[in-house]
Amino acid sequence: MNAKQAQLTEKIRDVPDFPKPGIVFKDITPLLQDGESFLLACDLLAEPYEPGSIDLVVGIESRGFIFAPPVALRLGAGFAPARKSGKLPWKTVGETYQLEYGEDRIELHQDAVRAGQRVLIVDDVVATGGTAAATAKLVRAMGGELVGQSFLIEIGFLGGRELLSGPNVHTVLKF
């Protein structure tokens, strides 16, 4: 772990038994409250990409919305929100994915991704990978070129990285 990663790790607190017993939640709010750490996190999420190399950053609901717009601005790109079913106000396209018990659906506005756009997906955490994989599938189905996926935190033992097909899966911190 380098000094920048250590600075961010110090700002992430563990919350045991949230949202249910046995889960240790990685709370990023202390990191967000510190301007220097928040800026560093956004810079490190964008680091593998050159300004102008990305046309659109797709942020995944909900904490991906915190990081994706600053990353988009850093890269000179636009931003589109990927939301749970029924949350977007206009015509949508979506992708259903499996959860541990049941299924969920992620949606984008039908005009969010144009054919040939170079797209980066950003979220705070990749855990089991289902939401990110469904978002990537949706971006590709809409004609976007998935250039990469960037996450602040990877929870390694949950195996989410294995679901993330495609180029350049980048994580800033691994737990």
N, C-alpha and C. Protein backbone atom coordinates (compact mmCIF):
# COMPACT_ATOMS: atom_id res chain seq x y z
N MET A 1 0.85 -1.18 0.00
CA MET A 1 0.00 0.00 0.00
C MET A 1 0.89 1.24 0.00
N ASN A 2 0.63 2.15 -0.94
CA ASN A 2 1.43 3.37 -0.99
C ASN A 2 0.85 4.45 -0.07
N ALA A 3 1.51 5.59 0.03
CA ALA A 3 1.10 6.65 0.96
C ALA A 3 -0.28 7.21 0.62
N LYS A 4 -0.59 7.33 -0.66
CA LYS A 4 -1.91 7.85 -1.06
C LYS A 4 -3.01 6.88 -0.65
N GLN A 5 -2.78 5.60 -0.89
CA GLN A 5 -3.77 4.60 -0.48
C GLN A 5 -3.92 4.56 1.03
N ALA A 6 -2.82 4.69 1.75
CA ALA A 6 -2.88 4.71 3.22
C ALA A 6 -3.69 5.90 3.71
N GLN A 7 -3.51 7.06 3.09
CA GLN A 7 -4.28 8.25 3.48
C GLN A 7 -5.78 8.00 3.33
N LEU A 8 -6.17 7.36 2.23
CA LEU A 8 -7.59 7.08 2.02
C LEU A 8 -8.10 6.01 2.98
N THR A 9 -7.30 4.96 3.17
CA THR A 9 -7.71 3.87 4.06
C THR A 9 -7.97 4.37 5.47
N GLU A 10 -7.15 5.33 5.93
CA GLU A 10 -7.34 5.90 7.27
C GLU A 10 -8.69 6.60 7.41
N LYS A 11 -9.28 7.03 6.30
CA LYS A 11 -10.54 7.77 6.32
C LYS A 11 -11.76 6.88 6.11
N ILE A 12 -11.56 5.59 6.02
CA ILE A 12 -12.68 4.66 5.84
C ILE A 12 -12.88 3.90 7.14
N ARG A 13 -14.08 3.99 7.67
CA ARG A 13 -14.34 3.29 8.94
C ARG A 13 -15.16 2.03 8.70
N ASP A 14 -14.89 1.04 9.51
CA ASP A 14 -15.65 -0.20 9.48
C ASP A 14 -16.84 -0.07 10.42
N VAL A 15 -18.01 -0.44 9.91
CA VAL A 15 -19.22 -0.45 10.72
C VAL A 15 -19.71 -1.90 10.76
N PRO A 16 -19.50 -2.58 11.91
CA PRO A 16 -19.90 -3.98 11.99
C PRO A 16 -21.42 -4.15 12.02
N ASP A 17 -21.86 -5.26 11.44
CA ASP A 17 -23.27 -5.66 11.45
C ASP A 17 -24.18 -4.65 10.77
N PHE A 18 -23.69 -4.01 9.70
CA PHE A 18 -24.54 -3.10 8.92
C PHE A 18 -24.39 -3.47 7.45
N PRO A 19 -25.45 -3.62 6.71
CA PRO A 19 -26.85 -3.39 7.06
C PRO A 19 -27.52 -4.57 7.74
N LYS A 20 -26.75 -5.68 7.90
CA LYS A 20 -27.31 -6.83 8.62
C LYS A 20 -26.19 -7.55 9.35
N PRO A 21 -26.52 -8.38 10.32
CA PRO A 21 -25.49 -9.07 11.10
C PRO A 21 -24.52 -9.85 10.21
N GLY A 22 -23.24 -9.75 10.57
CA GLY A 22 -22.20 -10.46 9.84
C GLY A 22 -21.52 -9.65 8.75
N ILE A 23 -22.12 -8.52 8.38
CA ILE A 23 -21.54 -7.65 7.35
C ILE A 23 -20.70 -6.58 8.04
N VAL A 24 -19.51 -6.32 7.52
CA VAL A 24 -18.69 -5.20 7.98
C VAL A 24 -18.72 -4.16 6.86
N PHE A 25 -19.49 -3.11 7.06
CA PHE A 25 -19.71 -2.07 6.05
C PHE A 25 -18.53 -1.12 6.03
N LYS A 26 -18.05 -0.80 4.83
CA LYS A 26 -16.96 0.17 4.64
C LYS A 26 -17.60 1.55 4.45
N ASP A 27 -17.56 2.37 5.49
CA ASP A 27 -18.19 3.69 5.50
C ASP A 27 -17.22 4.73 4.97
N ILE A 28 -17.58 5.33 3.83
CA ILE A 28 -16.70 6.32 3.19
C ILE A 28 -17.02 7.75 3.60
N THR A 29 -18.01 7.97 4.46
CA THR A 29 -18.37 9.36 4.78
C THR A 29 -17.23 10.15 5.42
N PRO A 30 -16.38 9.56 6.28
CA PRO A 30 -15.24 10.35 6.78
C PRO A 30 -14.31 10.81 5.65
N LEU A 31 -14.12 9.96 4.65
CA LEU A 31 -13.30 10.32 3.50
C LEU A 31 -13.93 11.50 2.75
N LEU A 32 -15.24 11.44 2.56
CA LEU A 32 -15.93 12.50 1.83
C LEU A 32 -15.91 13.83 2.59
N GLN A 33 -15.86 13.77 3.90
CA GLN A 33 -15.87 14.98 4.72
C GLN A 33 -14.52 15.71 4.71
N ASP A 34 -13.48 15.03 4.27
CA ASP A 34 -12.14 15.61 4.21
C ASP A 34 -11.84 15.99 2.76
N GLY A 35 -11.80 17.28 2.47
CA GLY A 35 -11.65 17.75 1.11
C GLY A 35 -10.42 17.19 0.40
N GLU A 36 -9.30 17.13 1.09
CA GLU A 36 -8.07 16.62 0.48
C GLU A 36 -8.21 15.15 0.10
N SER A 37 -8.80 14.36 1.00
CA SER A 37 -8.97 12.93 0.73
C SER A 37 -10.00 12.69 -0.37
N PHE A 38 -11.06 13.47 -0.37
CA PHE A 38 -12.09 13.33 -1.40
C PHE A 38 -11.49 13.63 -2.78
N LEU A 39 -10.73 14.70 -2.87
CA LEU A 39 -10.07 15.06 -4.13
C LEU A 39 -9.08 13.97 -4.56
N LEU A 40 -8.31 13.46 -3.61
CA LEU A 40 -7.36 12.40 -3.90
C LEU A 40 -8.09 11.16 -4.43
N ALA A 41 -9.19 10.78 -3.79
CA ALA A 41 -9.95 9.61 -4.24
C ALA A 41 -10.42 9.78 -5.68
N CYS A 42 -10.94 10.96 -6.01
CA CYS A 42 -11.41 11.22 -7.38
C CYS A 42 -10.25 11.19 -8.36
N ASP A 43 -9.11 11.76 -7.97
CA ASP A 43 -7.93 11.74 -8.84
C ASP A 43 -7.46 10.30 -9.10
N LEU A 44 -7.46 9.48 -8.06
CA LEU A 44 -6.99 8.10 -8.22
C LEU A 44 -7.97 7.25 -9.02
N LEU A 45 -9.26 7.55 -8.93
CA LEU A 45 -10.25 6.85 -9.75
C LEU A 45 -10.04 7.18 -11.23
N ALA A 46 -9.64 8.41 -11.52
CA ALA A 46 -9.45 8.86 -12.90
C ALA A 46 -8.05 8.55 -13.43
N GLU A 47 -7.13 8.24 -12.55
CA GLU A 47 -5.69 8.15 -12.89
C GLU A 47 -5.35 7.31 -14.12
N PRO A 48 -5.97 6.15 -14.35
CA PRO A 48 -5.56 5.35 -15.51
C PRO A 48 -5.94 5.95 -16.87
N TYR A 49 -6.71 7.02 -16.87
CA TYR A 49 -7.28 7.55 -18.11
C TYR A 49 -6.78 8.97 -18.37
N GLU A 50 -6.51 9.26 -19.62
CA GLU A 50 -6.08 10.60 -20.02
C GLU A 50 -7.30 11.48 -20.27
N PRO A 51 -7.22 12.76 -19.93
CA PRO A 51 -8.30 13.67 -20.31
C PRO A 51 -8.54 13.58 -21.82
N GLY A 52 -9.81 13.48 -22.19
CA GLY A 52 -10.19 13.36 -23.60
C GLY A 52 -10.30 11.92 -24.08
N SER A 53 -9.89 10.94 -23.25
CA SER A 53 -9.94 9.53 -23.67
C SER A 53 -11.29 8.89 -23.37
N ILE A 54 -12.12 9.58 -22.61
CA ILE A 54 -13.44 9.08 -22.20
C ILE A 54 -14.47 10.12 -22.64
N ASP A 55 -15.57 9.64 -23.21
CA ASP A 55 -16.66 10.54 -23.61
C ASP A 55 -17.73 10.66 -22.53
N LEU A 56 -17.95 9.57 -21.79
CA LEU A 56 -19.04 9.52 -20.83
C LEU A 56 -18.65 8.68 -19.63
N VAL A 57 -18.92 9.21 -18.44
CA VAL A 57 -18.73 8.46 -17.21
C VAL A 57 -20.11 8.09 -16.68
N VAL A 58 -20.33 6.80 -16.50
CA VAL A 58 -21.59 6.30 -15.94
C VAL A 58 -21.36 6.00 -14.48
N GLY A 59 -22.12 6.67 -13.60
CA GLY A 59 -22.04 6.43 -12.17
C GLY A 59 -23.19 5.55 -11.72
N ILE A 60 -22.87 4.56 -10.90
CA ILE A 60 -23.88 3.60 -10.44
C ILE A 60 -24.48 4.08 -9.12
N GLU A 61 -25.80 3.97 -9.04
CA GLU A 61 -26.55 4.37 -7.84
C GLU A 61 -26.02 3.64 -6.62
N SER A 62 -25.89 4.25 -5.53
CA SER A 62 -26.07 5.67 -5.31
C SER A 62 -24.74 6.36 -5.03
N ARG A 63 -23.82 5.67 -4.38
CA ARG A 63 -22.57 6.36 -4.05
C ARG A 63 -21.67 6.57 -5.27
N GLY A 64 -21.92 5.85 -6.34
CA GLY A 64 -21.21 6.13 -7.57
C GLY A 64 -21.52 7.52 -8.09
N PHE A 65 -22.69 8.05 -7.71
CA PHE A 65 -23.06 9.42 -8.09
C PHE A 65 -22.15 10.45 -7.43
N ILE A 66 -21.56 10.10 -6.31
CA ILE A 66 -20.67 11.03 -5.60
C ILE A 66 -19.35 11.17 -6.34
N PHE A 67 -18.82 10.06 -6.84
CA PHE A 67 -17.50 10.05 -7.46
C PHE A 67 -17.52 10.27 -8.97
N ALA A 68 -18.51 9.79 -9.65
CA ALA A 68 -18.51 9.84 -11.12
C ALA A 68 -18.50 11.26 -11.68
N PRO A 69 -19.29 12.21 -11.18
CA PRO A 69 -19.22 13.56 -11.77
C PRO A 69 -17.85 14.24 -11.63
N PRO A 70 -17.18 14.19 -10.47
CA PRO A 70 -15.84 14.78 -10.43
C PRO A 70 -14.85 14.07 -11.36
N VAL A 71 -14.97 12.75 -11.49
CA VAL A 71 -14.10 12.01 -12.41
C VAL A 71 -14.39 12.46 -13.84
N ALA A 72 -15.67 12.60 -14.17
CA ALA A 72 -16.04 13.05 -15.52
C ALA A 72 -15.45 14.43 -15.81
N LEU A 73 -15.55 15.34 -14.86
CA LEU A 73 -15.00 16.68 -15.05
C LEU A 73 -13.49 16.62 -15.25
N ARG A 74 -12.82 15.79 -14.47
CA ARG A 74 -11.36 15.66 -14.58
C ARG A 74 -10.96 15.15 -15.95
N LEU A 75 -11.81 14.29 -16.56
CA LEU A 75 -11.50 13.69 -17.85
C LEU A 75 -12.11 14.44 -19.03
N GLY A 76 -12.85 15.51 -18.75
CA GLY A 76 -13.49 16.26 -19.82
C GLY A 76 -14.63 15.50 -20.46
N ALA A 77 -15.34 14.70 -19.66
CA ALA A 77 -16.40 13.83 -20.16
C ALA A 77 -17.75 14.25 -19.59
N GLY A 78 -18.80 13.70 -20.17
CA GLY A 78 -20.14 13.87 -19.63
C GLY A 78 -20.40 12.83 -18.56
N PHE A 79 -21.57 12.93 -17.93
CA PHE A 79 -21.97 12.03 -16.85
C PHE A 79 -23.37 11.51 -17.11
N ALA A 80 -23.61 10.23 -16.82
CA ALA A 80 -24.94 9.64 -16.88
C ALA A 80 -25.15 8.76 -15.65
N PRO A 81 -26.30 8.90 -14.99
CA PRO A 81 -26.59 8.06 -13.83
C PRO A 81 -27.23 6.72 -14.22
N ALA A 82 -26.70 5.63 -13.65
CA ALA A 82 -27.32 4.31 -13.76
C ALA A 82 -28.09 4.09 -12.46
N ARG A 83 -29.41 3.89 -12.59
CA ARG A 83 -30.25 3.83 -11.40
C ARG A 83 -31.04 2.54 -11.32
N LYS A 84 -31.51 2.25 -10.13
CA LYS A 84 -32.41 1.12 -9.92
C LYS A 84 -33.71 1.38 -10.68
N SER A 85 -34.43 0.34 -10.97
CA SER A 85 -35.65 0.42 -11.77
C SER A 85 -36.66 1.41 -11.20
N GLY A 86 -37.23 2.22 -12.09
CA GLY A 86 -38.28 3.14 -11.71
C GLY A 86 -37.82 4.47 -11.14
N LYS A 87 -36.52 4.73 -11.11
CA LYS A 87 -36.00 5.96 -10.50
C LYS A 87 -35.71 7.07 -11.50
N LEU A 88 -35.55 6.73 -12.77
CA LEU A 88 -35.26 7.74 -13.78
C LEU A 88 -36.56 8.30 -14.36
N PRO A 89 -36.60 9.59 -14.68
CA PRO A 89 -37.87 10.23 -15.04
C PRO A 89 -38.29 10.09 -16.50
N TRP A 90 -37.44 9.54 -17.35
CA TRP A 90 -37.76 9.50 -18.77
C TRP A 90 -37.70 8.07 -19.27
N LYS A 91 -37.77 7.85 -20.56
CA LYS A 91 -37.74 6.51 -21.15
C LYS A 91 -36.39 5.86 -20.86
N THR A 92 -36.46 4.58 -20.46
CA THR A 92 -35.24 3.88 -20.03
C THR A 92 -35.04 2.57 -20.77
N VAL A 93 -33.82 2.09 -20.70
CA VAL A 93 -33.48 0.72 -21.06
C VAL A 93 -32.81 0.13 -19.82
N GLY A 94 -32.93 -1.17 -19.65
CA GLY A 94 -32.41 -1.75 -18.41
C GLY A 94 -31.85 -3.13 -18.59
N GLU A 95 -31.22 -3.58 -17.53
CA GLU A 95 -30.62 -4.91 -17.47
C GLU A 95 -30.94 -5.50 -16.10
N THR A 96 -31.50 -6.70 -16.10
CA THR A 96 -31.82 -7.39 -14.86
C THR A 96 -30.64 -8.28 -14.47
N TYR A 97 -30.37 -8.35 -13.17
CA TYR A 97 -29.26 -9.18 -12.69
C TYR A 97 -29.67 -9.87 -11.40
N GLN A 98 -28.94 -10.93 -11.09
CA GLN A 98 -29.28 -11.76 -9.94
C GLN A 98 -28.63 -11.24 -8.66
N LEU A 99 -29.39 -11.28 -7.60
CA LEU A 99 -28.89 -11.01 -6.25
C LEU A 99 -28.79 -12.33 -5.52
N GLU A 100 -28.28 -12.31 -4.30
CA GLU A 100 -28.19 -13.53 -3.52
C GLU A 100 -29.57 -14.18 -3.38
N TYR A 101 -30.57 -13.35 -3.11
CA TYR A 101 -31.95 -13.83 -3.02
C TYR A 101 -32.81 -12.94 -3.90
N GLY A 102 -33.09 -13.38 -5.13
CA GLY A 102 -33.94 -12.60 -6.03
C GLY A 102 -33.15 -11.92 -7.12
N GLU A 103 -33.72 -10.83 -7.62
CA GLU A 103 -33.07 -10.11 -8.70
C GLU A 103 -33.34 -8.62 -8.58
N ASP A 104 -32.58 -7.84 -9.32
CA ASP A 104 -32.76 -6.40 -9.36
C ASP A 104 -32.55 -5.95 -10.79
N ARG A 105 -32.74 -4.67 -11.03
CA ARG A 105 -32.62 -4.13 -12.38
C ARG A 105 -31.94 -2.77 -12.33
N ILE A 106 -31.02 -2.55 -13.26
CA ILE A 106 -30.34 -1.26 -13.38
C ILE A 106 -30.79 -0.64 -14.71
N GLU A 107 -31.00 0.68 -14.72
CA GLU A 107 -31.50 1.35 -15.92
C GLU A 107 -30.71 2.61 -16.23
N LEU A 108 -30.71 2.97 -17.50
CA LEU A 108 -30.18 4.23 -18.00
C LEU A 108 -31.26 4.85 -18.87
N HIS A 109 -31.25 6.17 -19.02
CA HIS A 109 -32.12 6.79 -20.01
C HIS A 109 -31.76 6.21 -21.37
N GLN A 110 -32.75 6.04 -22.22
CA GLN A 110 -32.51 5.40 -23.52
C GLN A 110 -31.54 6.17 -24.40
N ASP A 111 -31.33 7.46 -24.11
CA ASP A 111 -30.38 8.26 -24.90
C ASP A 111 -29.10 8.58 -24.12
N ALA A 112 -28.86 7.88 -23.03
CA ALA A 112 -27.69 8.19 -22.18
C ALA A 112 -26.37 7.83 -22.85
N VAL A 113 -26.34 6.73 -23.56
CA VAL A 113 -25.12 6.26 -24.21
C VAL A 113 -25.38 6.21 -25.71
N ARG A 114 -24.53 6.90 -26.46
CA ARG A 114 -24.64 6.88 -27.92
C ARG A 114 -23.65 5.87 -28.49
N ALA A 115 -24.01 5.31 -29.62
CA ALA A 115 -23.15 4.33 -30.29
C ALA A 115 -21.75 4.91 -30.48
N GLY A 116 -20.75 4.14 -30.10
CA GLY A 116 -19.36 4.54 -30.28
C GLY A 116 -18.78 5.38 -29.16
N GLN A 117 -19.59 5.83 -28.23
CA GLN A 117 -19.05 6.61 -27.12
C GLN A 117 -18.12 5.75 -26.27
N ARG A 118 -17.01 6.36 -25.86
CA ARG A 118 -16.05 5.69 -24.98
C ARG A 118 -16.53 5.92 -23.54
N VAL A 119 -16.84 4.83 -22.83
CA VAL A 119 -17.52 4.90 -21.54
C VAL A 119 -16.65 4.32 -20.43
N LEU A 120 -16.64 5.02 -19.31
CA LEU A 120 -16.03 4.57 -18.07
C LEU A 120 -17.13 4.43 -17.03
N ILE A 121 -17.20 3.30 -16.36
CA ILE A 121 -18.15 3.08 -15.26
C ILE A 121 -17.42 3.35 -13.96
N VAL A 122 -18.06 4.10 -13.06
CA VAL A 122 -17.46 4.44 -11.76
C VAL A 122 -18.45 4.10 -10.65
N ASP A 123 -17.93 3.49 -9.59
CA ASP A 123 -18.72 3.25 -8.39
C ASP A 123 -17.79 3.26 -7.19
N ASP A 124 -18.37 3.32 -6.00
CA ASP A 124 -17.55 3.36 -4.79
C ASP A 124 -16.99 1.99 -4.44
N VAL A 125 -17.80 0.93 -4.58
CA VAL A 125 -17.38 -0.40 -4.14
C VAL A 125 -17.76 -1.44 -5.18
N VAL A 126 -16.87 -2.37 -5.44
CA VAL A 126 -17.23 -3.59 -6.15
C VAL A 126 -17.13 -4.71 -5.11
N ALA A 127 -18.27 -5.35 -4.89
CA ALA A 127 -18.35 -6.44 -3.92
C ALA A 127 -18.61 -7.75 -4.68
N THR A 128 -19.86 -8.09 -4.89
CA THR A 128 -20.18 -9.30 -5.65
C THR A 128 -20.14 -9.06 -7.15
N GLY A 129 -20.17 -7.80 -7.57
CA GLY A 129 -19.99 -7.44 -8.98
C GLY A 129 -21.24 -7.44 -9.83
N GLY A 130 -22.37 -7.85 -9.30
CA GLY A 130 -23.59 -7.97 -10.10
C GLY A 130 -24.07 -6.68 -10.72
N THR A 131 -24.11 -5.61 -9.93
CA THR A 131 -24.60 -4.34 -10.44
C THR A 131 -23.66 -3.78 -11.49
N ALA A 132 -22.36 -3.84 -11.24
CA ALA A 132 -21.39 -3.33 -12.21
C ALA A 132 -21.42 -4.15 -13.49
N ALA A 133 -21.51 -5.46 -13.39
CA ALA A 133 -21.56 -6.31 -14.59
C ALA A 133 -22.81 -6.01 -15.41
N ALA A 134 -23.94 -5.82 -14.74
CA ALA A 134 -25.18 -5.49 -15.46
C ALA A 134 -25.08 -4.12 -16.12
N THR A 135 -24.44 -3.17 -15.45
CA THR A 135 -24.26 -1.84 -16.03
C THR A 135 -23.37 -1.92 -17.26
N ALA A 136 -22.30 -2.69 -17.19
CA ALA A 136 -21.40 -2.87 -18.33
C ALA A 136 -22.14 -3.50 -19.51
N LYS A 137 -22.94 -4.50 -19.23
CA LYS A 137 -23.71 -5.17 -20.28
C LYS A 137 -24.67 -4.18 -20.94
N LEU A 138 -25.29 -3.35 -20.13
CA LEU A 138 -26.23 -2.34 -20.64
C LEU A 138 -25.51 -1.32 -21.52
N VAL A 139 -24.35 -0.84 -21.07
CA VAL A 139 -23.57 0.13 -21.85
C VAL A 139 -23.24 -0.46 -23.22
N ARG A 140 -22.80 -1.71 -23.24
CA ARG A 140 -22.45 -2.36 -24.51
C ARG A 140 -23.68 -2.54 -25.39
N ALA A 141 -24.80 -2.93 -24.80
CA ALA A 141 -26.04 -3.13 -25.56
C ALA A 141 -26.51 -1.83 -26.21
N MET A 142 -26.19 -0.71 -25.58
CA MET A 142 -26.58 0.60 -26.12
C MET A 142 -25.59 1.10 -27.17
N GLY A 143 -24.53 0.34 -27.43
CA GLY A 143 -23.56 0.70 -28.45
C GLY A 143 -22.34 1.42 -27.93
N GLY A 144 -22.23 1.56 -26.63
CA GLY A 144 -21.06 2.21 -26.05
C GLY A 144 -19.85 1.30 -26.07
N GLU A 145 -18.68 1.90 -26.15
CA GLU A 145 -17.42 1.17 -26.05
C GLU A 145 -16.96 1.26 -24.60
N LEU A 146 -17.04 0.17 -23.87
CA LEU A 146 -16.64 0.16 -22.47
C LEU A 146 -15.12 0.20 -22.40
N VAL A 147 -14.58 1.35 -21.99
CA VAL A 147 -13.14 1.54 -21.91
C VAL A 147 -12.60 1.02 -20.57
N GLY A 148 -13.42 1.12 -19.51
CA GLY A 148 -12.96 0.64 -18.23
C GLY A 148 -14.01 0.80 -17.14
N GLN A 149 -13.64 0.26 -15.98
CA GLN A 149 -14.47 0.36 -14.79
C GLN A 149 -13.55 0.72 -13.63
N SER A 150 -13.94 1.72 -12.85
CA SER A 150 -13.08 2.23 -11.79
C SER A 150 -13.86 2.28 -10.48
N PHE A 151 -13.28 1.66 -9.45
CA PHE A 151 -13.93 1.55 -8.15
C PHE A 151 -12.98 2.04 -7.06
N LEU A 152 -13.52 2.73 -6.08
CA LEU A 152 -12.70 3.16 -4.95
C LEU A 152 -12.25 1.95 -4.13
N ILE A 153 -13.18 1.03 -3.86
CA ILE A 153 -12.90 -0.11 -2.98
C ILE A 153 -13.29 -1.41 -3.67
N GLU A 154 -12.43 -2.41 -3.53
CA GLU A 154 -12.76 -3.77 -3.95
C GLU A 154 -12.77 -4.66 -2.71
N ILE A 155 -13.88 -5.34 -2.48
CA ILE A 155 -13.99 -6.32 -1.39
C ILE A 155 -13.63 -7.67 -2.02
N GLY A 156 -12.35 -8.01 -1.96
CA GLY A 156 -11.80 -9.13 -2.73
C GLY A 156 -12.42 -10.48 -2.48
N PHE A 157 -12.70 -10.81 -1.23
CA PHE A 157 -13.16 -12.16 -0.93
C PHE A 157 -14.55 -12.45 -1.46
N LEU A 158 -15.28 -11.42 -1.90
CA LEU A 158 -16.62 -11.63 -2.47
C LEU A 158 -16.58 -11.97 -3.96
N GLY A 159 -15.42 -11.84 -4.59
CA GLY A 159 -15.23 -12.34 -5.95
C GLY A 159 -15.88 -11.54 -7.06
N GLY A 160 -16.23 -10.30 -6.82
CA GLY A 160 -16.90 -9.50 -7.83
C GLY A 160 -16.09 -9.26 -9.09
N ARG A 161 -14.80 -9.17 -8.95
CA ARG A 161 -13.94 -8.91 -10.12
C ARG A 161 -14.15 -9.97 -11.21
N GLU A 162 -14.43 -11.20 -10.82
CA GLU A 162 -14.61 -12.28 -11.79
C GLU A 162 -15.81 -12.03 -12.71
N LEU A 163 -16.80 -11.30 -12.26
CA LEU A 163 -17.97 -10.99 -13.09
C LEU A 163 -17.73 -9.83 -14.05
N LEU A 164 -16.68 -9.08 -13.82
CA LEU A 164 -16.44 -7.86 -14.58
C LEU A 164 -15.60 -8.16 -15.81
N SER A 165 -16.28 -8.46 -16.89
CA SER A 165 -15.57 -8.72 -18.14
C SER A 165 -15.25 -7.38 -18.79
N GLY A 166 -14.22 -7.38 -19.55
CA GLY A 166 -13.88 -6.17 -20.27
C GLY A 166 -12.55 -5.61 -19.81
N PRO A 167 -12.16 -4.55 -20.46
CA PRO A 167 -10.84 -4.00 -20.22
C PRO A 167 -10.77 -3.18 -18.94
N ASN A 168 -9.57 -3.09 -18.39
CA ASN A 168 -9.23 -2.08 -17.42
C ASN A 168 -10.16 -1.98 -16.22
N VAL A 169 -10.22 -3.02 -15.42
CA VAL A 169 -10.92 -2.94 -14.13
C VAL A 169 -9.92 -2.39 -13.13
N HIS A 170 -10.18 -1.19 -12.63
CA HIS A 170 -9.25 -0.46 -11.77
C HIS A 170 -9.88 -0.28 -10.40
N THR A 171 -9.17 -0.66 -9.35
CA THR A 171 -9.61 -0.39 -7.99
C THR A 171 -8.50 0.35 -7.27
N VAL A 172 -8.90 1.35 -6.48
CA VAL A 172 -7.94 2.16 -5.73
C VAL A 172 -7.49 1.42 -4.48
N LEU A 173 -8.44 0.84 -3.74
CA LEU A 173 -8.15 0.14 -2.48
C LEU A 173 -8.74 -1.27 -2.53
N LYS A 174 -8.02 -2.24 -1.96
CA LYS A 174 -8.53 -3.61 -1.88
C LYS A 174 -8.56 -4.04 -0.43
N PHE A 175 -9.70 -4.61 -0.05
CA PHE A 175 -9.86 -5.16 1.30
C PHE A 175 -10.21 -6.63 1.17
